Amino acid sequence: MARDDKTATIVAFATGVGAAVAFLLAPKAGDELRDDIAGAIGDRADQLRDQSKDLSRRSKEFVDTAKEHVQDALDQGADAFKQAKKAGT
């Protein structure tokens, strides 16, 4: 995970904790407070789901690029082997 991703995760976590503390200390009725907490948790779950999808997409792109590089190297090696074989014959 990149440093920026770690920092963003820490900031998001701290913000979530701060919001939860604010909800708990706010003078609200129990039902309203529970609804607010549930809404905040739902929002954070949506954010985490989006981040997970983005990380999955970026990981797949990285793996696909790595596969292409490996295949290119294998093709170049096969070509070099064929040329060396021809030169030796």
N, C-alpha and C. Protein backbone atom coordinates (compact mmCIF):
# COMPACT_ATOMS: atom_id res chain seq x y z
N MET A 1 0.85 -1.16 0.00
CA MET A 1 0.00 0.00 0.00
C MET A 1 0.90 1.23 0.00
N ALA A 2 0.59 2.20 -0.80
CA ALA A 2 1.39 3.41 -0.90
C ALA A 2 1.21 4.27 0.34
N ARG A 3 2.18 5.13 0.60
CA ARG A 3 2.14 5.99 1.79
C ARG A 3 0.90 6.86 1.79
N ASP A 4 0.50 7.41 0.63
CA ASP A 4 -0.69 8.25 0.54
C ASP A 4 -1.94 7.46 0.92
N ASP A 5 -2.01 6.18 0.51
CA ASP A 5 -3.16 5.36 0.84
C ASP A 5 -3.22 5.12 2.35
N LYS A 6 -2.06 4.88 2.98
CA LYS A 6 -2.02 4.67 4.43
C LYS A 6 -2.46 5.93 5.15
N THR A 7 -1.97 7.07 4.70
CA THR A 7 -2.33 8.33 5.33
C THR A 7 -3.83 8.59 5.20
N ALA A 8 -4.37 8.33 4.03
CA ALA A 8 -5.80 8.54 3.80
C ALA A 8 -6.62 7.61 4.69
N THR A 9 -6.16 6.38 4.85
CA THR A 9 -6.87 5.42 5.69
C THR A 9 -6.84 5.87 7.15
N ILE A 10 -5.69 6.33 7.61
CA ILE A 10 -5.57 6.80 8.99
C ILE A 10 -6.45 8.02 9.22
N VAL A 11 -6.45 8.95 8.29
CA VAL A 11 -7.28 10.15 8.42
C VAL A 11 -8.76 9.77 8.42
N ALA A 12 -9.15 8.86 7.53
CA ALA A 12 -10.56 8.43 7.48
C ALA A 12 -10.95 7.75 8.78
N PHE A 13 -10.07 6.91 9.32
CA PHE A 13 -10.36 6.22 10.58
C PHE A 13 -10.51 7.23 11.71
N ALA A 14 -9.57 8.17 11.80
CA ALA A 14 -9.62 9.18 12.86
C ALA A 14 -10.88 10.03 12.73
N THR A 15 -11.27 10.36 11.51
CA THR A 15 -12.48 11.13 11.28
C THR A 15 -13.70 10.34 11.75
N GLY A 16 -13.71 9.05 11.43
CA GLY A 16 -14.82 8.19 11.86
C GLY A 16 -14.91 8.09 13.36
N VAL A 17 -13.76 7.94 14.02
CA VAL A 17 -13.74 7.87 15.49
C VAL A 17 -14.22 9.20 16.06
N GLY A 18 -13.75 10.29 15.51
CA GLY A 18 -14.18 11.61 15.97
C GLY A 18 -15.68 11.81 15.81
N ALA A 19 -16.20 11.36 14.68
CA ALA A 19 -17.64 11.48 14.44
C ALA A 19 -18.42 10.63 15.44
N ALA A 20 -17.94 9.43 15.72
CA ALA A 20 -18.62 8.56 16.68
C ALA A 20 -18.63 9.19 18.07
N VAL A 21 -17.52 9.77 18.49
CA VAL A 21 -17.44 10.43 19.79
C VAL A 21 -18.40 11.62 19.82
N ALA A 22 -18.44 12.39 18.75
CA ALA A 22 -19.34 13.53 18.68
C ALA A 22 -20.80 13.08 18.79
N PHE A 23 -21.13 11.99 18.12
CA PHE A 23 -22.49 11.46 18.20
C PHE A 23 -22.84 11.06 19.64
N LEU A 24 -21.88 10.41 20.29
CA LEU A 24 -22.13 9.92 21.65
C LEU A 24 -22.25 11.05 22.66
N LEU A 25 -21.55 12.16 22.41
CA LEU A 25 -21.59 13.27 23.35
C LEU A 25 -22.69 14.28 23.03
N ALA A 26 -23.31 14.18 21.88
CA ALA A 26 -24.34 15.13 21.48
C ALA A 26 -25.63 14.84 22.25
N PRO A 27 -26.33 15.89 22.66
CA PRO A 27 -27.59 15.69 23.39
C PRO A 27 -28.73 15.36 22.42
N LYS A 28 -28.90 14.07 22.12
CA LYS A 28 -29.95 13.63 21.20
C LYS A 28 -30.73 12.50 21.84
N ALA A 29 -31.89 12.28 21.28
CA ALA A 29 -32.71 11.15 21.73
C ALA A 29 -32.04 9.85 21.29
N GLY A 30 -32.28 8.76 22.00
CA GLY A 30 -31.66 7.47 21.71
C GLY A 30 -31.90 7.00 20.29
N ASP A 31 -33.15 7.09 19.82
CA ASP A 31 -33.46 6.64 18.46
C ASP A 31 -32.73 7.47 17.42
N GLU A 32 -32.71 8.77 17.63
CA GLU A 32 -32.04 9.66 16.67
C GLU A 32 -30.54 9.40 16.67
N LEU A 33 -29.97 9.20 17.85
CA LEU A 33 -28.54 8.92 17.96
C LEU A 33 -28.19 7.61 17.27
N ARG A 34 -29.00 6.57 17.50
CA ARG A 34 -28.75 5.28 16.85
C ARG A 34 -28.87 5.40 15.33
N ASP A 35 -29.83 6.17 14.86
CA ASP A 35 -29.97 6.38 13.41
C ASP A 35 -28.75 7.10 12.84
N ASP A 36 -28.25 8.11 13.58
CA ASP A 36 -27.07 8.84 13.12
C ASP A 36 -25.84 7.93 13.08
N ILE A 37 -25.68 7.12 14.11
CA ILE A 37 -24.54 6.20 14.15
C ILE A 37 -24.64 5.18 13.03
N ALA A 38 -25.83 4.64 12.83
CA ALA A 38 -26.03 3.66 11.74
C ALA A 38 -25.74 4.30 10.39
N GLY A 39 -26.16 5.54 10.20
CA GLY A 39 -25.89 6.24 8.95
C GLY A 39 -24.41 6.46 8.73
N ALA A 40 -23.70 6.85 9.79
CA ALA A 40 -22.26 7.07 9.68
C ALA A 40 -21.53 5.77 9.38
N ILE A 41 -21.94 4.70 10.02
CA ILE A 41 -21.32 3.39 9.76
C ILE A 41 -21.61 2.95 8.33
N GLY A 42 -22.83 3.15 7.88
CA GLY A 42 -23.18 2.80 6.50
C GLY A 42 -22.36 3.59 5.49
N ASP A 43 -22.18 4.89 5.76
CA ASP A 43 -21.37 5.72 4.87
C ASP A 43 -19.93 5.23 4.82
N ARG A 44 -19.38 4.89 5.99
CA ARG A 44 -17.98 4.42 6.03
C ARG A 44 -17.86 3.07 5.33
N ALA A 45 -18.87 2.21 5.49
CA ALA A 45 -18.84 0.92 4.81
C ALA A 45 -18.86 1.12 3.29
N ASP A 46 -19.64 2.08 2.83
CA ASP A 46 -19.66 2.38 1.39
C ASP A 46 -18.31 2.88 0.91
N GLN A 47 -17.67 3.73 1.71
CA GLN A 47 -16.34 4.24 1.35
C GLN A 47 -15.33 3.10 1.28
N LEU A 48 -15.37 2.22 2.26
CA LEU A 48 -14.44 1.08 2.27
C LEU A 48 -14.70 0.15 1.08
N ARG A 49 -15.96 -0.04 0.74
CA ARG A 49 -16.30 -0.88 -0.41
C ARG A 49 -15.74 -0.27 -1.70
N ASP A 50 -15.89 1.05 -1.84
CA ASP A 50 -15.36 1.74 -3.02
C ASP A 50 -13.84 1.64 -3.08
N GLN A 51 -13.18 1.83 -1.92
CA GLN A 51 -11.72 1.72 -1.88
C GLN A 51 -11.28 0.31 -2.22
N SER A 52 -12.02 -0.66 -1.76
CA SER A 52 -11.68 -2.06 -2.04
C SER A 52 -11.80 -2.34 -3.54
N LYS A 53 -12.86 -1.85 -4.16
CA LYS A 53 -13.04 -2.04 -5.60
C LYS A 53 -11.90 -1.38 -6.38
N ASP A 54 -11.52 -0.16 -5.94
CA ASP A 54 -10.43 0.55 -6.61
C ASP A 54 -9.11 -0.20 -6.47
N LEU A 55 -8.84 -0.68 -5.27
CA LEU A 55 -7.61 -1.44 -5.04
C LEU A 55 -7.61 -2.72 -5.86
N SER A 56 -8.74 -3.38 -5.95
CA SER A 56 -8.85 -4.60 -6.75
C SER A 56 -8.58 -4.31 -8.23
N ARG A 57 -9.16 -3.22 -8.73
CA ARG A 57 -8.96 -2.84 -10.13
C ARG A 57 -7.49 -2.52 -10.40
N ARG A 58 -6.88 -1.74 -9.49
CA ARG A 58 -5.48 -1.37 -9.67
C ARG A 58 -4.56 -2.58 -9.57
N SER A 59 -4.89 -3.51 -8.69
CA SER A 59 -4.10 -4.73 -8.57
C SER A 59 -4.18 -5.56 -9.84
N LYS A 60 -5.38 -5.66 -10.40
CA LYS A 60 -5.56 -6.43 -11.64
C LYS A 60 -4.76 -5.79 -12.78
N GLU A 61 -4.80 -4.47 -12.86
CA GLU A 61 -4.02 -3.77 -13.89
C GLU A 61 -2.53 -4.04 -13.72
N PHE A 62 -2.05 -4.03 -12.48
CA PHE A 62 -0.64 -4.28 -12.20
C PHE A 62 -0.26 -5.70 -12.63
N VAL A 63 -1.10 -6.67 -12.27
CA VAL A 63 -0.81 -8.07 -12.64
C VAL A 63 -0.84 -8.23 -14.15
N ASP A 64 -1.82 -7.62 -14.82
CA ASP A 64 -1.89 -7.73 -16.28
C ASP A 64 -0.64 -7.13 -16.93
N THR A 65 -0.18 -6.00 -16.44
CA THR A 65 1.03 -5.37 -16.97
C THR A 65 2.25 -6.26 -16.74
N ALA A 66 2.34 -6.83 -15.54
CA ALA A 66 3.46 -7.73 -15.24
C ALA A 66 3.44 -8.94 -16.16
N LYS A 67 2.27 -9.50 -16.41
CA LYS A 67 2.15 -10.65 -17.32
C LYS A 67 2.63 -10.29 -18.72
N GLU A 68 2.25 -9.09 -19.17
CA GLU A 68 2.69 -8.65 -20.50
C GLU A 68 4.21 -8.54 -20.56
N HIS A 69 4.81 -7.99 -19.53
CA HIS A 69 6.27 -7.84 -19.50
C HIS A 69 6.95 -9.21 -19.50
N VAL A 70 6.42 -10.13 -18.74
CA VAL A 70 7.00 -11.47 -18.69
C VAL A 70 6.86 -12.15 -20.05
N GLN A 71 5.70 -12.01 -20.67
CA GLN A 71 5.49 -12.63 -21.98
C GLN A 71 6.43 -12.02 -23.01
N ASP A 72 6.61 -10.70 -22.97
CA ASP A 72 7.55 -10.04 -23.89
C ASP A 72 8.97 -10.57 -23.69
N ALA A 73 9.37 -10.74 -22.43
CA ALA A 73 10.71 -11.26 -22.15
C ALA A 73 10.85 -12.69 -22.66
N LEU A 74 9.82 -13.50 -22.47
CA LEU A 74 9.86 -14.88 -22.97
C LEU A 74 9.96 -14.90 -24.50
N ASP A 75 9.19 -14.05 -25.15
CA ASP A 75 9.23 -13.98 -26.61
C ASP A 75 10.61 -13.55 -27.10
N GLN A 76 11.19 -12.56 -26.44
CA GLN A 76 12.52 -12.09 -26.84
C GLN A 76 13.56 -13.19 -26.61
N GLY A 77 13.42 -13.92 -25.51
CA GLY A 77 14.34 -15.02 -25.24
C GLY A 77 14.22 -16.11 -26.28
N ALA A 78 13.00 -16.44 -26.68
CA ALA A 78 12.78 -17.47 -27.70
C ALA A 78 13.37 -17.02 -29.04
N ASP A 79 13.18 -15.74 -29.38
CA ASP A 79 13.74 -15.21 -30.63
C ASP A 79 15.28 -15.25 -30.59
N ALA A 80 15.85 -14.87 -29.47
CA ALA A 80 17.30 -14.89 -29.34
C ALA A 80 17.83 -16.32 -29.45
N PHE A 81 17.12 -17.27 -28.87
CA PHE A 81 17.52 -18.67 -28.95
C PHE A 81 17.48 -19.17 -30.39
N LYS A 82 16.41 -18.81 -31.11
CA LYS A 82 16.29 -19.23 -32.51
C LYS A 82 17.42 -18.64 -33.35
N GLN A 83 17.72 -17.36 -33.11
CA GLN A 83 18.80 -16.72 -33.88
C GLN A 83 20.14 -17.35 -33.56
N ALA A 84 20.37 -17.67 -32.28
CA ALA A 84 21.66 -18.30 -31.91
C ALA A 84 21.74 -19.69 -32.50
N LYS A 85 20.64 -20.38 -32.55
CA LYS A 85 20.62 -21.73 -33.12
C LYS A 85 20.91 -21.70 -34.62
N LYS A 86 20.30 -20.69 -35.31
CA LYS A 86 20.55 -20.53 -36.74
C LYS A 86 22.02 -20.19 -37.00
N ALA A 87 22.57 -19.33 -36.18
CA ALA A 87 23.97 -18.91 -36.37
C ALA A 87 24.93 -20.08 -36.11
N GLY A 88 24.55 -20.97 -35.24
CA GLY A 88 25.40 -22.11 -34.93
C GLY A 88 25.27 -23.25 -35.92
N THR A 89 24.26 -23.23 -36.74
CA THR A 89 24.04 -24.32 -37.67
C THR A 89 24.84 -24.19 -38.93
